[in-house]
N, C-alpha and C. Protein backbone atom coordinates (compact mmCIF):
# COMPACT_ATOMS: atom_id res chain seq x y z
N MET A 1 3.82 8.65 -3.40
CA MET A 1 4.50 9.58 -1.80
C MET A 1 4.43 8.24 -1.19
N LEU A 2 4.52 7.66 0.23
CA LEU A 2 4.40 7.22 1.26
C LEU A 2 4.43 7.47 2.41
N LEU A 3 3.35 8.06 3.71
CA LEU A 3 2.87 8.41 4.53
C LEU A 3 2.97 6.94 5.31
N ILE A 4 3.51 7.15 6.71
CA ILE A 4 3.15 5.63 8.05
C ILE A 4 2.90 6.56 9.16
N ASP A 5 1.94 6.76 10.20
CA ASP A 5 1.77 7.58 10.76
C ASP A 5 0.73 6.71 11.63
N ASP A 6 1.13 5.74 13.14
CA ASP A 6 1.05 4.95 13.78
C ASP A 6 0.73 3.67 13.10
N ASP A 7 -0.95 2.99 13.26
CA ASP A 7 -1.46 2.15 12.59
C ASP A 7 -1.95 2.48 11.34
N LYS A 8 -1.44 3.39 10.88
CA LYS A 8 -2.01 3.97 8.95
C LYS A 8 -0.97 4.17 8.00
N VAL A 9 -1.57 4.01 6.77
CA VAL A 9 -0.60 4.21 6.15
C VAL A 9 -1.22 5.10 5.16
N TYR A 10 -1.04 6.00 4.19
CA TYR A 10 -0.84 6.93 3.50
C TYR A 10 -0.63 6.67 1.85
N ILE A 11 -1.17 6.37 1.59
CA ILE A 11 -0.60 6.52 -0.08
C ILE A 11 -0.99 6.84 -1.31
N LYS A 12 0.13 7.22 -1.35
CA LYS A 12 -0.26 8.99 -2.32
C LYS A 12 -0.23 8.43 -4.16
N ASP A 13 -1.23 8.98 -5.59
CA ASP A 13 -0.26 8.49 -7.11
C ASP A 13 -0.52 7.12 -7.79
N TYR A 14 -0.41 5.97 -6.56
CA TYR A 14 -1.05 5.03 -6.76
C TYR A 14 -1.42 4.49 -8.86
N ILE A 15 -0.59 3.73 -9.20
CA ILE A 15 -1.51 3.20 -9.99
C ILE A 15 -3.06 1.68 -10.33
N GLU A 16 -2.61 1.22 -10.08
CA GLU A 16 -3.31 -0.30 -9.25
C GLU A 16 -3.15 -0.75 -8.13
N ILE A 17 -4.59 -1.68 -7.46
CA ILE A 17 -4.19 -2.45 -6.18
C ILE A 17 -3.90 -3.14 -7.34
N LEU A 18 -3.09 -4.67 -7.26
CA LEU A 18 -2.65 -5.50 -7.73
C LEU A 18 -2.87 -6.49 -6.98
N ILE A 19 -2.67 -7.14 -5.33
CA ILE A 19 -3.21 -8.07 -4.04
C ILE A 19 -3.41 -7.16 -3.23
N MET A 20 -4.93 -7.81 -2.66
CA MET A 20 -5.88 -6.58 -1.53
C MET A 20 -6.13 -8.03 -0.57
N GLU A 21 -5.70 -8.26 0.94
CA GLU A 21 -5.55 -9.59 1.57
C GLU A 21 -5.42 -9.11 3.10
N ASP A 22 -6.18 -9.54 4.12
CA ASP A 22 -5.21 -8.75 5.44
C ASP A 22 -4.53 -8.95 5.96
N HIS A 23 -3.38 -9.43 5.16
CA HIS A 23 -1.74 -9.30 5.33
C HIS A 23 -1.18 -9.30 4.42
N PHE A 24 -1.65 -8.53 3.45
CA PHE A 24 -0.53 -8.69 2.37
C PHE A 24 -1.00 -7.76 0.91
N PHE A 25 -0.87 -6.85 0.84
CA PHE A 25 -1.28 -5.86 0.21
C PHE A 25 0.32 -5.54 -0.87
N LYS A 26 -0.57 -5.48 -2.60
CA LYS A 26 0.83 -5.41 -3.41
C LYS A 26 -0.29 -4.22 -4.42
N ILE A 27 0.84 -3.02 -4.59
CA ILE A 27 0.06 -2.13 -4.79
C ILE A 27 1.47 -1.04 -5.86
N LYS A 28 0.81 -1.11 -7.14
CA LYS A 28 1.26 -0.65 -8.42
C LYS A 28 1.66 0.91 -8.69
N MET A 29 3.01 1.00 -8.63
CA MET A 29 3.06 2.32 -8.60
C MET A 29 3.35 2.59 -9.67
N PRO A 30 3.98 4.11 -10.05
CA PRO A 30 5.01 4.41 -11.41
C PRO A 30 6.23 4.20 -11.66
N ARG A 31 6.71 3.43 -11.01
CA ARG A 31 7.77 3.15 -11.14
C ARG A 31 8.34 1.84 -10.56
N TYR A 32 7.53 1.23 -9.92
CA TYR A 32 7.94 0.14 -8.56
C TYR A 32 5.60 -0.41 -8.07
N CYS A 33 6.33 -1.46 -7.86
CA CYS A 33 5.19 -2.06 -6.96
C CYS A 33 5.74 -2.10 -5.59
N LEU A 34 4.85 -1.99 -4.73
CA LEU A 34 4.83 -1.43 -3.31
C LEU A 34 4.28 -2.58 -2.44
N ASN A 35 4.98 -3.56 -1.86
CA ASN A 35 4.29 -4.42 -1.16
C ASN A 35 4.55 -3.85 0.30
N VAL A 36 3.40 -4.29 0.37
CA VAL A 36 3.47 -4.12 2.28
C VAL A 36 2.67 -5.58 3.42
N ARG A 37 3.43 -5.70 3.95
CA ARG A 37 3.00 -7.24 4.65
C ARG A 37 2.69 -6.81 6.49
N GLY A 38 1.49 -7.43 6.92
CA GLY A 38 1.24 -6.97 8.37
C GLY A 38 0.30 -7.55 9.30
N GLU A 39 -0.35 -7.64 9.77
CA GLU A 39 -1.70 -8.02 10.22
C GLU A 39 -3.12 -7.12 10.30
N GLY A 40 -4.28 -7.59 9.94
CA GLY A 40 -5.60 -7.01 10.15
C GLY A 40 -5.36 -5.97 8.80
N LEU A 41 -4.48 -6.13 8.17
CA LEU A 41 -4.34 -4.96 6.89
C LEU A 41 -5.96 -4.90 6.40
N ALA A 42 -6.52 -3.48 6.55
CA ALA A 42 -7.77 -3.18 5.91
C ALA A 42 -7.63 -1.23 5.21
N ILE A 43 -8.56 -1.67 4.10
CA ILE A 43 -9.01 0.02 3.47
C ILE A 43 -9.28 0.96 3.79
N TYR A 44 -9.71 1.85 5.26
CA TYR A 44 -11.26 2.46 4.99
C TYR A 44 -11.16 3.98 3.98
N TYR A 45 -10.41 4.27 3.11
CA TYR A 45 -10.21 5.13 2.53
C TYR A 45 -9.21 5.21 0.92
N TYR A 46 -10.59 5.18 -0.49
CA TYR A 46 -9.94 4.96 -1.55
C TYR A 46 -9.79 5.86 -2.76
N ASP A 47 -9.40 6.84 -3.69
CA ASP A 47 -10.22 7.45 -4.55
C ASP A 47 -9.05 6.48 -5.03
N GLN A 48 -9.22 7.53 -6.79
CA GLN A 48 -8.47 7.08 -7.67
C GLN A 48 -6.72 7.59 -7.76
N ASN A 49 -6.79 8.78 -6.95
CA ASN A 49 -5.47 9.28 -5.78
C ASN A 49 -4.68 8.92 -4.80
N GLU A 50 -5.53 8.17 -4.22
CA GLU A 50 -5.12 7.88 -2.89
C GLU A 50 -5.75 6.61 -2.27
N ILE A 51 -4.67 5.97 -0.96
CA ILE A 51 -5.48 4.68 -0.27
C ILE A 51 -4.91 5.55 1.21
N ARG A 52 -5.60 5.08 1.78
CA ARG A 52 -5.56 4.75 3.35
C ARG A 52 -5.85 3.87 3.96
N PHE A 53 -4.88 2.84 4.71
CA PHE A 53 -5.21 1.72 5.06
C PHE A 53 -4.52 1.75 7.04
N SER A 54 -5.63 0.64 7.44
CA SER A 54 -4.71 0.63 8.68
C SER A 54 -4.59 -0.68 9.32
N GLY A 55 -4.24 -1.02 10.51
CA GLY A 55 -3.31 -2.33 10.51
C GLY A 55 -2.23 -2.46 11.15
N HIS A 56 -1.57 -3.91 11.43
CA HIS A 56 -0.08 -3.37 12.20
C HIS A 56 0.42 -3.99 10.96
N VAL A 57 1.66 -2.86 10.44
CA VAL A 57 2.32 -3.11 9.11
C VAL A 57 3.22 -3.42 10.01
N LYS A 58 4.12 -4.58 9.10
CA LYS A 58 5.08 -4.73 10.05
C LYS A 58 6.49 -4.91 8.65
N VAL A 59 6.26 -4.96 7.67
CA VAL A 59 7.03 -4.95 6.92
C VAL A 59 6.55 -4.23 4.91
N ILE A 60 7.72 -3.28 4.48
CA ILE A 60 6.88 -2.13 3.81
C ILE A 60 8.78 -2.69 2.65
N GLU A 61 8.39 -3.14 1.34
CA GLU A 61 9.23 -2.96 0.61
C GLU A 61 8.76 -2.41 -0.63
N TYR A 62 9.68 -2.53 -1.96
CA TYR A 62 9.21 -2.17 -3.39
C TYR A 62 10.35 -3.60 -4.16
N ASP A 63 9.37 -3.52 -5.10
CA ASP A 63 9.95 -4.68 -6.72
C ASP A 63 9.89 -3.61 -7.31
N GLU A 64 11.25 -3.09 -8.24
CA GLU A 64 11.48 -2.39 -9.75
C GLU A 64 11.00 -3.25 -10.79
N TYR A 65 10.50 -2.57 -11.50
CA TYR A 65 9.35 -2.83 -12.57
C TYR A 65 10.37 -1.60 -13.66
N ARG A 66 10.20 -2.20 -14.77
CA ARG A 66 10.85 -1.09 -16.83
C ARG A 66 9.71 -1.17 -16.84
N VAL A 67 9.70 0.38 -17.69
CA VAL A 67 8.55 0.53 -17.73
C VAL A 67 8.95 0.97 -19.32
């Protein structure tokens, strides 16, 4: 699940954070990888089921992969 609220993004039920930079995040989800591009991206909360990060999001896209 993905929720976008102003300058915050909430992602639930993720598997793994693959890439984490201040301008790009790649997050492995159950059936795809979620790519988030922007400026000043930073995680302010995460646990085993949820990630919350803030910053100026410019693009959100996904890459499908086969399980």
